[in-house]
Amino acid sequence: MSALTAIGTLAAIVGVAGMARLLGLGGGRIENESEAASIAARTIAGFAPERALLDHDGQAALIRGKSGELVALKMHGAMPAARQLTLPLTATIAGSAVRVPTGDARFGDVTFKCQDAEKARELARMLERSFDG
């Protein structure tokens, strides 16, 4: 590959990345618990949110419904995707992160990055209460 081709390729990559940023593509996040609850209510038919927990970097949320059901949100590029979770769940806690299996191979597991270990424990308690149904 010639130097001119390499420079041209690099310039094209930087240009596409710049255009994507100007168009607001990628890098999306869930701003707060209220937005997470609203997204879940719009996305899952009949879902009535009661409480939402947002992960530390806005990339995932867990929303508990008034009937005890759970919805997981996670970012896919600039757009959030939602899945209603099937209970019981077996969450894995590692320090300040909680991994929740969704049961959907295409959606994948959801990892919640909490501010600290206490927030991770709060999330685990929320999951446990959901099992009491």
Protein backbone atom coordinates (compact mmCIF):
# COMPACT_ATOMS: atom_id res chain seq x y z
CA MET A 1 0.00 0.00 0.00
CA SER A 2 1.44 3.34 -0.96
CA ALA A 3 1.76 6.20 1.49
CA LEU A 4 -0.74 8.24 -0.52
CA THR A 5 -3.34 5.44 -0.33
CA ALA A 6 -2.80 5.07 3.42
CA ILE A 7 -3.19 8.82 3.99
CA GLY A 8 -6.33 8.91 1.83
CA THR A 9 -7.84 5.97 3.72
CA LEU A 10 -7.09 7.58 7.08
CA ALA A 11 -8.61 10.89 5.93
CA ALA A 12 -11.77 9.08 4.78
CA ILE A 13 -12.12 7.30 8.14
CA VAL A 14 -11.69 10.57 10.07
CA GLY A 15 -14.21 12.26 7.75
CA VAL A 16 -16.85 9.55 8.25
CA ALA A 17 -16.32 9.65 12.02
CA GLY A 18 -16.70 13.44 12.00
CA MET A 19 -19.92 13.27 9.97
CA ALA A 20 -21.35 10.64 12.32
CA ARG A 21 -20.60 12.88 15.29
CA LEU A 22 -22.18 15.92 13.60
CA LEU A 23 -25.31 13.88 12.82
CA GLY A 24 -25.53 12.70 16.43
CA LEU A 25 -24.97 9.06 15.56
CA GLY A 26 -23.48 6.68 18.11
CA GLY A 27 -22.52 7.57 21.63
CA GLY A 28 -26.09 7.58 22.89
CA ARG A 29 -26.98 7.27 26.54
CA ILE A 30 -29.99 7.02 28.79
CA GLU A 31 -29.97 10.35 30.63
CA ASN A 32 -31.88 9.54 33.83
CA GLU A 33 -34.30 7.15 35.56
CA SER A 34 -37.32 9.07 34.30
CA GLU A 35 -36.20 8.68 30.70
CA ALA A 36 -35.53 4.96 31.27
CA ALA A 37 -39.06 4.46 32.64
CA SER A 38 -40.55 6.38 29.72
CA ILE A 39 -38.63 4.33 27.15
CA ALA A 40 -39.72 1.08 28.81
CA ALA A 41 -43.37 2.19 28.89
CA ARG A 42 -43.28 3.17 25.19
CA THR A 43 -41.44 0.04 24.09
CA ILE A 44 -43.14 -2.76 26.05
CA ALA A 45 -46.92 -2.95 25.52
CA GLY A 46 -48.89 -2.65 28.76
CA PHE A 47 -45.82 -2.01 30.91
CA ALA A 48 -46.42 0.41 33.81
CA PRO A 49 -43.07 1.46 35.31
CA GLU A 50 -42.74 1.82 39.06
CA ARG A 51 -39.00 2.19 39.73
CA ALA A 52 -35.94 2.50 37.54
CA LEU A 53 -32.24 2.11 38.20
CA LEU A 54 -29.74 3.53 35.74
CA ASP A 55 -26.19 2.32 35.45
CA HIS A 56 -23.33 4.74 36.12
CA ASP A 57 -22.52 5.53 32.47
CA GLY A 58 -26.09 5.63 31.11
CA GLN A 59 -25.65 2.56 28.93
CA ALA A 60 -28.18 0.30 30.70
CA ALA A 61 -31.20 0.49 32.98
CA LEU A 62 -33.44 -1.90 34.85
CA ILE A 63 -37.06 -0.90 35.31
CA ARG A 64 -39.47 -2.64 37.67
CA GLY A 65 -43.14 -2.52 36.74
CA LYS A 66 -46.10 -2.08 39.06
CA SER A 67 -46.96 -5.77 38.61
CA GLY A 68 -43.42 -6.89 39.53
CA GLU A 69 -42.21 -7.48 35.98
CA LEU A 70 -38.76 -6.30 34.92
CA VAL A 71 -37.57 -4.60 31.76
CA ALA A 72 -33.91 -4.21 30.83
CA LEU A 73 -32.70 -1.39 28.60
CA LYS A 74 -29.30 -1.18 26.99
CA MET A 75 -27.86 1.05 24.36
CA HIS A 76 -27.36 -0.26 20.84
CA GLY A 77 -25.44 2.55 19.19
CA ALA A 78 -27.47 5.73 19.63
CA MET A 79 -30.76 3.97 20.37
CA PRO A 80 -31.89 2.11 23.49
CA ALA A 81 -33.27 -1.41 23.11
CA ALA A 82 -35.64 -3.00 25.62
CA ARG A 83 -36.44 -6.55 26.66
CA GLN A 84 -38.92 -7.80 29.22
CA LEU A 85 -37.07 -10.22 31.46
CA THR A 86 -38.28 -13.66 32.41
CA LEU A 87 -38.15 -14.42 36.11
CA PRO A 88 -36.42 -15.84 38.02
CA LEU A 89 -33.11 -14.18 37.18
CA THR A 90 -29.64 -15.14 38.30
CA ALA A 91 -27.65 -11.92 38.46
CA THR A 92 -23.91 -12.01 39.01
CA ILE A 93 -22.37 -9.30 41.20
CA ALA A 94 -18.70 -8.39 40.83
CA GLY A 95 -17.72 -5.37 42.89
CA SER A 96 -19.76 -2.48 41.54
CA ALA A 97 -21.04 -4.28 38.42
CA VAL A 98 -24.08 -6.53 38.08
CA ARG A 99 -24.56 -8.83 35.08
CA VAL A 100 -28.16 -9.81 34.34
CA PRO A 101 -28.97 -12.54 31.81
CA THR A 102 -31.87 -11.66 29.51
CA GLY A 103 -32.52 -15.11 28.09
CA ASP A 104 -32.31 -13.61 24.58
CA ALA A 105 -29.12 -14.59 22.76
CA ARG A 106 -29.56 -11.82 20.16
CA PHE A 107 -30.01 -9.14 22.83
CA GLY A 108 -27.33 -10.55 25.12
CA ASP A 109 -26.80 -10.08 28.82
CA VAL A 110 -27.01 -6.62 30.37
CA THR A 111 -24.18 -5.36 32.56
CA PHE A 112 -25.01 -2.56 34.97
CA LYS A 113 -22.01 -0.48 36.00
CA CYS A 114 -22.96 1.00 39.34
CA GLN A 115 -21.30 3.96 41.08
CA ASP A 116 -20.23 1.76 43.94
CA ALA A 117 -20.80 -1.59 45.60
CA GLU A 118 -23.80 -0.20 47.56
CA LYS A 119 -25.63 0.64 44.31
CA ALA A 120 -24.83 -2.88 43.07
CA ARG A 121 -26.36 -4.33 46.23
CA GLU A 122 -29.43 -2.07 45.79
CA LEU A 123 -29.86 -3.47 42.30
CA ALA A 124 -29.52 -7.02 43.63
CA ARG A 125 -32.19 -6.29 46.27
CA MET A 126 -34.48 -4.91 43.55
CA LEU A 127 -34.06 -8.15 41.62
CA GLU A 128 -34.75 -10.25 44.72
CA ARG A 129 -37.98 -8.32 45.50
CA SER A 130 -39.16 -9.00 41.97
CA PHE A 131 -39.08 -12.72 42.69
CA ASP A 132 -41.53 -12.35 45.59
CA GLY A 133 -44.21 -11.46 43.01
